[in-house]
Amino acid sequence: MVIVLKKDVTKKQVDHIVKKLKEIKLRPMVSRGVDRTVIGVIGDESRLRVQPIEAFPGVEKVMTVQTPYKMVSLENHNQPSVIKLGNGVEIGGNRIVIMAGPCTIETRKRTLDLAKIVKKAGATVLRGGAFKPRTSPYDFQGLGETGLKYLAEARKLTGLPVVTELMNLRDLPLFEKYADIIQIGARNMQNFDLLKELGKTRKPVLLKRGMANTIQDFLMAAEYIYSHGNHSVILCERGIRTFETATRFTLDIAAVPVLKTKTHLPVVIDPSHPAGKRAFVPALTRAAVAAGADGIIVEVHDNPEEAVCDGPQALLPDQFESLMAELRLIANAIGRTI
């Protein structure tokens, strides 16, 4: 940390700051320039939480050198993390993981049929929502535990591990029973009580970025899970809300390379939600793979006209199959596989 002092700071004020820093076991280093005096601080910066340095007389600003997200930072874990699922699928390695399936679990037959379709095309994880966060209270809210049972049956049939969204802490025991990856949606990214409890489970967590959150906010949310004991955290960029209205959200493709410079956690892209229209999904997916994403989570439906949720953005099976062929070529070009 660097403490920048005001131009008119007095020796007494500098000595006072130095004394307080030493009292909390930090090592201050005073550097006097022509116009400014700064104090470099060496040690555990978390100790500064007990001292509001910005409020001290003579202090102009405090600049953090270390990242506030200690455990998920690349600084403290210089090798990329690889999240291993029970069936041998790895997220974060050389192979790009494709998670595919319907937005919402609707019927048993459709769930099983779509699981077979996406696996045949090359998907390695089955996605599907049993509990759905909807903007309107009158929209379909999901099948609940029945939907989780359908997903578990599809896993048994195809061998695909399952990722599905948890909304409420009270349902966590069900997800520990049925899910392979617990998804936390954008609206719950900063539900800190929920994140703390997820830190106590050993299920991998797919954490989606909030629609109005910065990358630092995103990483701090991941830190909640990681710091409470669960080190199987996967980050998911799913688009942020901007002034643009041509798409549902604005997909922050730059988040992939940026996150790769800041964290060791795997990064997945959801191209379906920012697109809002299936015509845009393939291009966003191709861009995500080219940008270095470790995985894709995409919506596929065999009859979008009948979909109870997000039909317009769901790919048809033949479109998904064609997209998979394109993604293999892109992955090969950047030295990865699908």
Protein backbone atom coordinates (compact mmCIF):
# COMPACT_ATOMS: atom_id res chain seq x y z
CA MET A 1 0.00 0.00 0.00
CA VAL A 2 1.14 3.54 -0.72
CA ILE A 3 -0.07 6.48 1.40
CA VAL A 4 0.13 9.77 -0.48
CA LEU A 5 0.40 12.76 1.86
CA LYS A 6 -0.80 16.32 1.31
CA LYS A 7 1.63 18.99 0.15
CA ASP A 8 1.37 20.83 3.46
CA VAL A 9 1.79 17.75 5.67
CA THR A 10 3.81 18.44 8.82
CA LYS A 11 6.59 16.34 10.34
CA LYS A 12 4.38 15.78 13.38
CA GLN A 13 1.61 14.35 11.20
CA VAL A 14 4.06 12.06 9.35
CA ASP A 15 5.51 10.81 12.63
CA HIS A 16 1.99 10.14 13.93
CA ILE A 17 1.07 8.04 10.87
CA VAL A 18 4.35 6.10 11.08
CA LYS A 19 3.78 5.40 14.78
CA LYS A 20 0.24 4.08 14.17
CA LEU A 21 1.42 1.83 11.34
CA LYS A 22 4.15 0.32 13.50
CA GLU A 23 1.62 -0.32 16.28
CA ILE A 24 -0.32 -2.67 13.99
CA LYS A 25 2.87 -4.51 12.98
CA LEU A 26 3.34 -2.89 9.56
CA ARG A 27 6.63 -1.52 8.23
CA PRO A 28 6.35 2.05 6.92
CA MET A 29 8.92 3.49 4.53
CA VAL A 30 8.85 7.28 4.19
CA SER A 31 9.92 8.75 0.85
CA ARG A 32 10.21 12.52 0.54
CA GLY A 33 10.09 14.03 -2.95
CA VAL A 34 10.27 17.60 -4.20
CA ASP A 35 6.50 18.12 -4.14
CA ARG A 36 5.15 15.13 -2.24
CA THR A 37 5.87 12.77 0.60
CA VAL A 38 4.64 9.21 0.37
CA ILE A 39 4.74 6.31 2.79
CA GLY A 40 5.15 2.80 1.42
CA VAL A 41 3.64 0.14 3.65
CA ILE A 42 5.01 -3.41 3.83
CA GLY A 43 3.13 -6.22 5.57
CA ASP A 44 -0.37 -7.64 5.87
CA GLU A 45 -2.60 -4.86 4.54
CA SER A 46 -5.68 -6.47 6.09
CA ARG A 47 -4.49 -5.03 9.41
CA LEU A 48 -5.27 -1.57 8.08
CA ARG A 49 -8.97 -2.32 8.49
CA VAL A 50 -8.58 -1.35 12.15
CA GLN A 51 -6.99 1.97 11.21
CA PRO A 52 -8.90 4.40 8.92
CA ILE A 53 -5.72 5.83 7.39
CA GLU A 54 -7.64 8.09 5.01
CA ALA A 55 -8.97 9.97 8.05
CA PHE A 56 -5.54 10.79 9.47
CA PRO A 57 -4.44 14.46 9.29
CA GLY A 58 -2.11 15.05 6.37
CA VAL A 59 -3.28 12.08 4.26
CA GLU A 60 -4.51 12.84 0.74
CA LYS A 61 -5.21 9.30 -0.53
CA VAL A 62 -4.40 5.67 0.03
CA MET A 63 -3.47 3.46 -2.93
CA THR A 64 -3.70 -0.31 -2.63
CA VAL A 65 -0.90 -2.20 -4.31
CA GLN A 66 -2.12 -5.71 -3.58
CA THR A 67 -5.48 -6.93 -4.81
CA PRO A 68 -8.30 -7.11 -2.25
CA TYR A 69 -9.16 -10.61 -3.49
CA LYS A 70 -6.24 -12.52 -2.02
CA MET A 71 -7.13 -16.18 -2.57
CA VAL A 72 -8.50 -16.07 -6.11
CA SER A 73 -5.74 -13.73 -7.28
CA LEU A 74 -3.16 -14.90 -9.78
CA GLU A 75 -0.54 -13.20 -7.59
CA ASN A 76 -0.90 -15.87 -4.91
CA HIS A 77 -1.62 -18.86 -7.15
CA ASN A 78 0.38 -18.56 -10.35
CA GLN A 79 -0.90 -21.76 -11.99
CA PRO A 80 -4.41 -21.94 -13.52
CA SER A 81 -6.84 -23.95 -11.43
CA VAL A 82 -8.44 -27.01 -12.96
CA ILE A 83 -11.84 -28.02 -11.59
CA LYS A 84 -12.38 -31.78 -11.78
CA LEU A 85 -15.84 -33.29 -11.99
CA GLY A 86 -16.70 -36.80 -10.90
CA ASN A 87 -16.79 -38.31 -14.40
CA GLY A 88 -13.35 -37.10 -15.46
CA VAL A 89 -14.39 -33.79 -17.07
CA GLU A 90 -11.94 -31.01 -16.24
CA ILE A 91 -12.73 -27.30 -16.45
CA GLY A 92 -9.72 -25.04 -16.85
CA GLY A 93 -7.42 -27.41 -18.69
CA ASN A 94 -6.52 -27.53 -22.35
CA ARG A 95 -9.92 -28.91 -23.35
CA ILE A 96 -12.71 -26.34 -23.67
CA VAL A 97 -15.82 -27.61 -21.91
CA ILE A 98 -19.19 -27.20 -23.61
CA MET A 99 -22.23 -27.03 -21.33
CA ALA A 100 -25.49 -27.25 -23.27
CA GLY A 101 -29.18 -27.88 -22.77
CA PRO A 102 -32.49 -26.08 -22.26
CA CYS A 103 -32.91 -22.92 -20.25
CA THR A 104 -35.63 -24.61 -18.21
CA ILE A 105 -36.42 -28.23 -17.48
CA GLU A 106 -39.93 -28.74 -18.85
CA THR A 107 -40.73 -32.45 -19.15
CA ARG A 108 -38.95 -35.72 -18.47
CA LYS A 109 -38.99 -36.77 -22.13
CA ARG A 110 -37.65 -33.46 -23.41
CA THR A 111 -34.91 -33.45 -20.79
CA LEU A 112 -33.73 -36.94 -21.74
CA ASP A 113 -34.03 -36.25 -25.48
CA LEU A 114 -32.05 -33.02 -25.28
CA ALA A 115 -29.38 -34.64 -23.13
CA LYS A 116 -28.82 -37.25 -25.85
CA ILE A 117 -28.84 -34.59 -28.58
CA VAL A 118 -26.24 -32.31 -26.97
CA LYS A 119 -24.00 -35.22 -26.01
CA LYS A 120 -24.01 -36.56 -29.55
CA ALA A 121 -22.97 -33.12 -30.82
CA GLY A 122 -20.05 -33.00 -28.38
CA ALA A 123 -21.28 -31.35 -25.19
CA THR A 124 -19.55 -32.53 -22.02
CA VAL A 125 -21.94 -31.04 -19.42
CA LEU A 126 -25.75 -30.85 -19.40
CA ARG A 127 -27.31 -27.54 -18.36
CA GLY A 128 -30.91 -26.94 -17.33
CA GLY A 129 -32.83 -24.88 -14.80
CA ALA A 130 -35.08 -26.57 -12.24
CA PHE A 131 -35.58 -23.34 -10.26
CA LYS A 132 -35.90 -20.22 -12.41
CA PRO A 133 -35.38 -16.58 -11.39
CA ARG A 134 -37.93 -14.66 -13.46
CA THR A 135 -38.46 -10.93 -13.73
CA SER A 136 -42.23 -11.39 -13.63
CA PRO A 137 -43.84 -13.31 -10.74
CA TYR A 138 -46.38 -14.67 -13.27
CA ASP A 139 -43.80 -16.45 -15.45
CA PHE A 140 -42.95 -20.14 -15.12
CA GLN A 141 -40.77 -20.61 -12.04
CA GLY A 142 -39.44 -24.09 -12.76
CA LEU A 143 -40.31 -27.65 -11.72
CA GLY A 144 -38.22 -27.59 -8.55
CA GLU A 145 -37.09 -30.95 -7.19
CA THR A 146 -38.94 -32.77 -9.97
CA GLY A 147 -36.73 -30.97 -12.49
CA LEU A 148 -33.62 -31.94 -10.54
CA LYS A 149 -34.71 -35.57 -10.66
CA TYR A 150 -35.12 -35.36 -14.45
CA LEU A 151 -31.60 -33.95 -14.71
CA ALA A 152 -30.22 -36.73 -12.53
CA GLU A 153 -31.95 -39.29 -14.74
CA ALA A 154 -30.46 -37.66 -17.83
CA ARG A 155 -27.02 -37.85 -16.24
CA LYS A 156 -27.49 -41.55 -15.59
CA LEU A 157 -28.61 -42.07 -19.19
CA THR A 158 -25.84 -40.09 -20.91
CA GLY A 159 -23.02 -39.80 -18.38
CA LEU A 160 -23.11 -35.99 -18.67
CA PRO A 161 -22.57 -34.14 -15.38
CA VAL A 162 -25.26 -31.58 -14.56
CA VAL A 163 -25.07 -27.82 -13.92
CA THR A 164 -28.21 -26.13 -12.59
CA GLU A 165 -29.04 -22.89 -10.79
CA LEU A 166 -29.52 -22.52 -7.04
CA MET A 167 -31.62 -19.55 -5.96
CA ASN A 168 -32.40 -20.12 -2.29
CA LEU A 169 -30.20 -21.34 0.53
CA ARG A 170 -32.92 -23.65 1.81
CA ASP A 171 -32.64 -25.72 -1.39
CA LEU A 172 -28.90 -26.36 -1.04
CA PRO A 173 -29.34 -29.94 0.30
CA LEU A 174 -31.27 -30.82 -2.89
CA PHE A 175 -28.47 -29.48 -5.07
CA GLU A 176 -25.85 -31.37 -3.11
CA LYS A 177 -27.90 -34.49 -3.81
CA TYR A 178 -28.68 -33.99 -7.51
CA ALA A 179 -26.26 -31.48 -9.10
CA ASP A 180 -22.63 -31.81 -10.17
CA ILE A 181 -22.09 -28.05 -10.50
CA ILE A 182 -24.13 -25.47 -8.60
CA GLN A 183 -24.81 -22.37 -10.69
CA ILE A 184 -25.27 -19.00 -9.02
CA GLY A 185 -27.10 -16.59 -11.29
CA ALA A 186 -26.33 -12.94 -11.96
CA ARG A 187 -28.98 -11.70 -9.54
CA ASN A 188 -27.41 -13.66 -6.68
CA MET A 189 -23.77 -12.81 -7.37
CA GLN A 190 -23.68 -10.58 -4.29
CA ASN A 191 -25.95 -12.67 -2.08
CA PHE A 192 -23.13 -12.94 0.43
CA ASP A 193 -24.89 -15.21 2.91
CA LEU A 194 -25.54 -17.66 0.08
CA LEU A 195 -21.91 -17.41 -1.10
CA LYS A 196 -20.61 -18.13 2.40
CA GLU A 197 -22.70 -21.29 2.63
CA LEU A 198 -21.51 -22.41 -0.80
CA GLY A 199 -18.01 -22.11 0.61
CA LYS A 200 -18.87 -24.92 3.00
CA THR A 201 -19.98 -27.35 0.30
CA ARG A 202 -17.57 -29.32 -1.86
CA LYS A 203 -19.64 -29.05 -5.01
CA PRO A 204 -18.08 -26.94 -7.79
CA VAL A 205 -19.77 -23.55 -8.15
CA LEU A 206 -20.38 -21.74 -11.44
CA LEU A 207 -20.61 -18.07 -10.45
CA LYS A 208 -22.19 -15.72 -12.98
CA ARG A 209 -21.21 -12.06 -13.13
CA GLY A 210 -23.92 -9.63 -12.10
CA MET A 211 -25.40 -7.53 -14.87
CA ALA A 212 -24.16 -4.27 -13.32
CA ASN A 213 -20.99 -5.41 -11.58
CA THR A 214 -17.34 -4.68 -12.25
CA ILE A 215 -14.72 -7.37 -12.65
CA GLN A 216 -13.41 -6.53 -9.18
CA ASP A 217 -16.93 -6.98 -7.74
CA PHE A 218 -17.04 -10.33 -9.55
CA LEU A 219 -13.73 -11.51 -8.12
CA MET A 220 -14.64 -10.36 -4.62
CA ALA A 221 -17.81 -12.47 -4.84
CA ALA A 222 -15.69 -15.46 -5.86
CA GLU A 223 -13.41 -14.70 -2.91
CA TYR A 224 -16.37 -15.19 -0.54
CA ILE A 225 -16.81 -18.78 -1.74
CA TYR A 226 -13.10 -19.55 -1.93
CA SER A 227 -12.21 -18.06 1.46
CA HIS A 228 -14.89 -20.15 3.18
CA GLY A 229 -13.29 -23.38 2.01
CA ASN A 230 -14.66 -24.25 -1.44
CA HIS A 231 -11.83 -23.93 -3.98
CA SER A 232 -13.82 -25.29 -6.93
CA VAL A 233 -15.07 -21.98 -8.31
CA ILE A 234 -15.77 -21.31 -12.00
CA LEU A 235 -16.36 -17.76 -13.24
CA CYS A 236 -19.03 -17.10 -15.88
CA GLU A 237 -19.34 -13.90 -17.93
CA ARG A 238 -22.94 -13.60 -19.16
CA GLY A 239 -23.21 -10.02 -20.35
CA ILE A 240 -23.64 -6.74 -18.55
CA ARG A 241 -26.27 -4.03 -18.82
CA THR A 242 -25.18 -1.01 -20.85
CA PHE A 243 -26.93 1.71 -22.85
CA GLU A 244 -27.10 -0.61 -25.89
CA THR A 245 -30.53 -2.08 -26.70
CA ALA A 246 -29.77 -4.03 -29.90
CA THR A 247 -28.95 -7.08 -27.77
CA ARG A 248 -30.39 -8.29 -24.50
CA PHE A 249 -27.13 -7.53 -22.68
CA THR A 250 -23.64 -6.50 -23.78
CA LEU A 251 -21.27 -9.47 -23.75
CA ASP A 252 -17.98 -8.33 -22.24
CA ILE A 253 -15.62 -10.48 -24.32
CA ALA A 254 -12.70 -8.47 -22.91
CA ALA A 255 -13.55 -9.95 -19.51
CA VAL A 256 -11.93 -13.24 -20.60
CA PRO A 257 -8.37 -11.96 -21.19
CA VAL A 258 -8.71 -9.47 -18.32
CA LEU A 259 -9.72 -12.20 -15.86
CA LYS A 260 -6.90 -14.40 -17.13
CA THR A 261 -4.43 -11.72 -15.95
CA LYS A 262 -6.06 -11.41 -12.53
CA THR A 263 -7.21 -14.85 -11.37
CA HIS A 264 -6.31 -18.52 -11.57
CA LEU A 265 -9.98 -19.55 -11.72
CA PRO A 266 -11.47 -21.00 -14.94
CA VAL A 267 -13.54 -18.61 -17.06
CA VAL A 268 -16.72 -19.66 -18.89
CA ILE A 269 -18.84 -17.59 -21.29
CA ASP A 270 -22.64 -17.66 -21.59
CA PRO A 271 -23.40 -16.34 -25.11
CA SER A 272 -27.15 -17.03 -24.98
CA HIS A 273 -28.24 -14.43 -22.42
CA PRO A 274 -26.40 -11.41 -23.87
CA ALA A 275 -27.53 -12.32 -27.39
CA GLY A 276 -31.23 -12.69 -26.67
CA LYS A 277 -31.62 -13.96 -30.24
CA ARG A 278 -30.31 -17.26 -31.56
CA ALA A 279 -28.97 -15.58 -34.72
CA PHE A 280 -26.30 -13.84 -32.60
CA VAL A 281 -25.33 -16.82 -30.43
CA PRO A 282 -22.92 -18.59 -32.82
CA ALA A 283 -20.81 -15.46 -33.43
CA LEU A 284 -20.56 -14.69 -29.71
CA THR A 285 -19.66 -18.30 -28.97
CA ARG A 286 -16.92 -18.32 -31.60
CA ALA A 287 -15.53 -15.07 -30.20
CA ALA A 288 -15.54 -16.49 -26.67
CA VAL A 289 -13.50 -19.53 -27.68
CA ALA A 290 -11.07 -17.38 -29.66
CA ALA A 291 -10.67 -15.05 -26.67
CA GLY A 292 -9.52 -17.92 -24.46
CA ALA A 293 -12.62 -19.02 -22.52
CA ASP A 294 -12.27 -22.34 -20.72
CA GLY A 295 -15.87 -23.25 -21.40
CA ILE A 296 -19.19 -22.27 -22.93
CA ILE A 297 -22.67 -22.61 -21.43
CA VAL A 298 -25.25 -22.38 -24.20
CA GLU A 299 -28.98 -22.98 -24.53
CA VAL A 300 -30.30 -25.65 -26.91
CA HIS A 301 -33.96 -26.59 -27.46
CA ASP A 302 -35.56 -29.00 -29.92
CA ASN A 303 -38.67 -26.84 -30.35
CA PRO A 304 -38.12 -23.23 -29.21
CA GLU A 305 -41.71 -22.32 -30.11
CA GLU A 306 -42.83 -24.47 -27.19
CA ALA A 307 -40.12 -23.33 -24.76
CA VAL A 308 -41.50 -21.87 -21.54
CA CYS A 309 -38.38 -19.74 -21.08
CA ASP A 310 -35.94 -17.99 -23.45
CA GLY A 311 -37.03 -19.78 -26.62
CA PRO A 312 -35.83 -16.97 -28.93
CA GLN A 313 -32.19 -17.39 -27.84
CA ALA A 314 -32.05 -21.21 -27.84
CA LEU A 315 -30.17 -22.91 -30.66
CA LEU A 316 -31.87 -25.69 -32.60
CA PRO A 317 -30.09 -29.06 -32.48
CA ASP A 318 -28.74 -28.80 -36.04
CA GLN A 319 -27.46 -25.28 -35.35
CA PHE A 320 -25.70 -26.50 -32.24
CA GLU A 321 -24.12 -29.37 -34.15
CA SER A 322 -22.85 -27.00 -36.85
CA LEU A 323 -21.52 -24.60 -34.22
CA MET A 324 -19.60 -27.41 -32.52
CA ALA A 325 -17.82 -28.17 -35.79
CA GLU A 326 -16.78 -24.50 -36.07
CA LEU A 327 -15.62 -24.34 -32.47
CA ARG A 328 -13.36 -27.35 -32.95
CA LEU A 329 -11.57 -25.53 -35.76
CA ILE A 330 -11.11 -22.38 -33.65
CA ALA A 331 -9.92 -24.37 -30.65
CA ASN A 332 -7.39 -26.19 -32.81
CA ALA A 333 -6.11 -22.88 -34.18
CA ILE A 334 -5.29 -21.64 -30.67
CA GLY A 335 -3.78 -24.92 -29.50
CA ARG A 336 -6.75 -26.25 -27.56
CA THR A 337 -9.35 -28.98 -28.03
CA ILE A 338 -13.12 -29.41 -27.60
